[in-house]
Amino acid sequence: MDRLYCLSNFFEAIGTDARISITHIGIYAALLQYRIQNGFVNPIQVFSHEILSIAKLSSAITYHKCVRELSEYGYIRYEPSFNKNRGSRIYFRDPCVSEDIL
C-alpha cells in the first residue's frame, strides 16, 4: 500500500471541514509517521511526548485537545490509557482497516 495514501485520504476528507486546523493536520501527519516507523500497525500505542517531538509541538495540552477532537470528528479513534507506563491507543481509519474497528 502506498504510504501516502492515508495522508492523501485525510486531506481529501478535511477539505470541507472548517473545524480542522493546521495543528490537527500536523498531529495527524506525526501520528501517521509514527505508524509507518512502527510497521504500519493499527492501532499504534504511543506516548504523547513521542508525537510532540515528531510534530514539533511543545504543548501536551494542545496535543491532547487535538487528538481528542480528531477522535470526536471521526478521523481516528483515540483510547487514552491513563497509565504512565502504557501508551494510548490510536486507531486509524483507512482502506486497510475494517470500519467496525472504529
Protein backbone atom coordinates (compact mmCIF):
# COMPACT_ATOMS: atom_id res chain seq x y z
CA MET A 1 0.00 0.00 0.00
CA ASP A 2 1.23 3.48 -0.83
CA ARG A 3 2.25 5.12 2.43
CA LEU A 4 0.94 8.48 1.30
CA TYR A 5 -2.49 7.05 0.53
CA CYS A 6 -3.76 7.53 4.11
CA LEU A 7 -2.47 11.10 4.26
CA SER A 8 -3.99 11.87 0.88
CA ASN A 9 -7.34 10.45 2.02
CA PHE A 10 -7.13 12.56 5.19
CA PHE A 11 -6.58 15.74 3.17
CA GLU A 12 -9.49 14.86 0.93
CA ALA A 13 -11.73 14.28 3.97
CA ILE A 14 -10.79 17.54 5.71
CA GLY A 15 -11.17 19.64 2.57
CA THR A 16 -14.55 20.99 3.65
CA ASP A 17 -14.20 20.53 7.41
CA ALA A 18 -13.76 24.01 8.93
CA ARG A 19 -13.08 22.50 12.37
CA ILE A 20 -9.65 21.22 11.33
CA SER A 21 -6.67 23.49 11.99
CA ILE A 22 -3.05 23.32 10.98
CA THR A 23 -2.30 21.81 14.40
CA HIS A 24 -4.73 18.94 13.76
CA ILE A 25 -3.03 18.33 10.42
CA GLY A 26 0.44 18.35 11.97
CA ILE A 27 -0.57 15.93 14.70
CA TYR A 28 -2.31 13.59 12.25
CA ALA A 29 0.78 13.61 9.99
CA ALA A 30 3.02 12.91 13.01
CA LEU A 31 0.76 10.04 14.10
CA LEU A 32 0.88 8.61 10.60
CA GLN A 33 4.69 8.93 10.51
CA TYR A 34 4.89 7.11 13.85
CA ARG A 35 2.65 4.40 12.44
CA ILE A 36 4.87 4.00 9.37
CA GLN A 37 8.01 3.83 11.54
CA ASN A 38 6.40 1.02 13.55
CA GLY A 39 5.49 -1.28 10.69
CA PHE A 40 2.19 0.33 9.68
CA VAL A 41 0.35 -1.33 12.58
CA ASN A 42 -3.18 -0.39 13.54
CA PRO A 43 -3.66 0.61 16.30
CA ILE A 44 -0.49 2.33 17.37
CA GLN A 45 0.34 2.54 21.05
CA VAL A 46 2.01 5.86 21.68
CA PHE A 47 3.03 8.33 24.35
CA SER A 48 2.28 11.99 23.78
CA HIS A 49 5.94 13.05 24.09
CA GLU A 50 6.81 10.83 21.11
CA ILE A 51 4.29 12.57 18.87
CA LEU A 52 5.11 16.03 20.22
CA SER A 53 8.68 15.51 19.07
CA ILE A 54 7.68 14.40 15.55
CA ALA A 55 5.08 17.17 15.18
CA LYS A 56 7.48 19.83 16.53
CA LEU A 57 4.99 20.83 19.24
CA SER A 58 5.81 21.69 22.84
CA SER A 59 2.37 21.68 24.47
CA ALA A 60 0.96 18.39 25.72
CA ILE A 61 -2.32 20.19 26.38
CA THR A 62 -2.63 21.16 22.70
CA TYR A 63 -1.72 17.61 21.66
CA HIS A 64 -4.38 16.01 23.87
CA LYS A 65 -7.02 18.54 22.79
CA CYS A 66 -6.35 17.97 19.08
CA VAL A 67 -6.17 14.17 19.36
CA ARG A 68 -9.46 14.16 21.28
CA GLU A 69 -11.04 16.36 18.61
CA LEU A 70 -9.72 14.22 15.75
CA SER A 71 -11.36 11.29 17.50
CA GLU A 72 -14.64 13.15 18.06
CA TYR A 73 -14.69 14.18 14.38
CA GLY A 74 -14.20 10.56 13.27
CA TYR A 75 -10.74 10.77 11.70
CA ILE A 76 -9.16 8.44 14.28
CA ARG A 77 -10.26 6.56 17.37
CA TYR A 78 -8.37 7.59 20.49
CA GLU A 79 -8.26 5.40 23.59
CA PRO A 80 -6.28 7.16 26.34
CA SER A 81 -4.50 4.77 28.71
CA PHE A 82 -4.28 6.99 31.83
CA ASN A 83 -1.25 4.87 32.74
CA LYS A 84 2.19 6.48 32.62
CA ASN A 85 3.77 3.14 31.72
CA ARG A 86 1.47 2.30 28.80
CA GLY A 87 0.85 4.48 25.78
CA SER A 88 -2.56 5.45 24.50
CA ARG A 89 -4.03 3.54 21.55
CA ILE A 90 -4.84 5.31 18.34
CA TYR A 91 -6.75 3.56 15.58
CA PHE A 92 -6.60 4.86 12.02
CA ARG A 93 -9.46 4.89 9.57
CA ASP A 94 -8.13 3.74 6.23
CA PRO A 95 -8.94 1.30 3.44
CA CYS A 96 -6.76 -1.39 5.03
CA VAL A 97 -8.84 -1.45 8.19
CA SER A 98 -12.40 -2.62 8.61
CA GLU A 99 -14.84 0.14 9.63
CA ASP A 100 -16.06 -1.81 12.66
CA ILE A 101 -12.72 -1.22 14.42
CA LEU A 102 -13.54 2.48 14.72
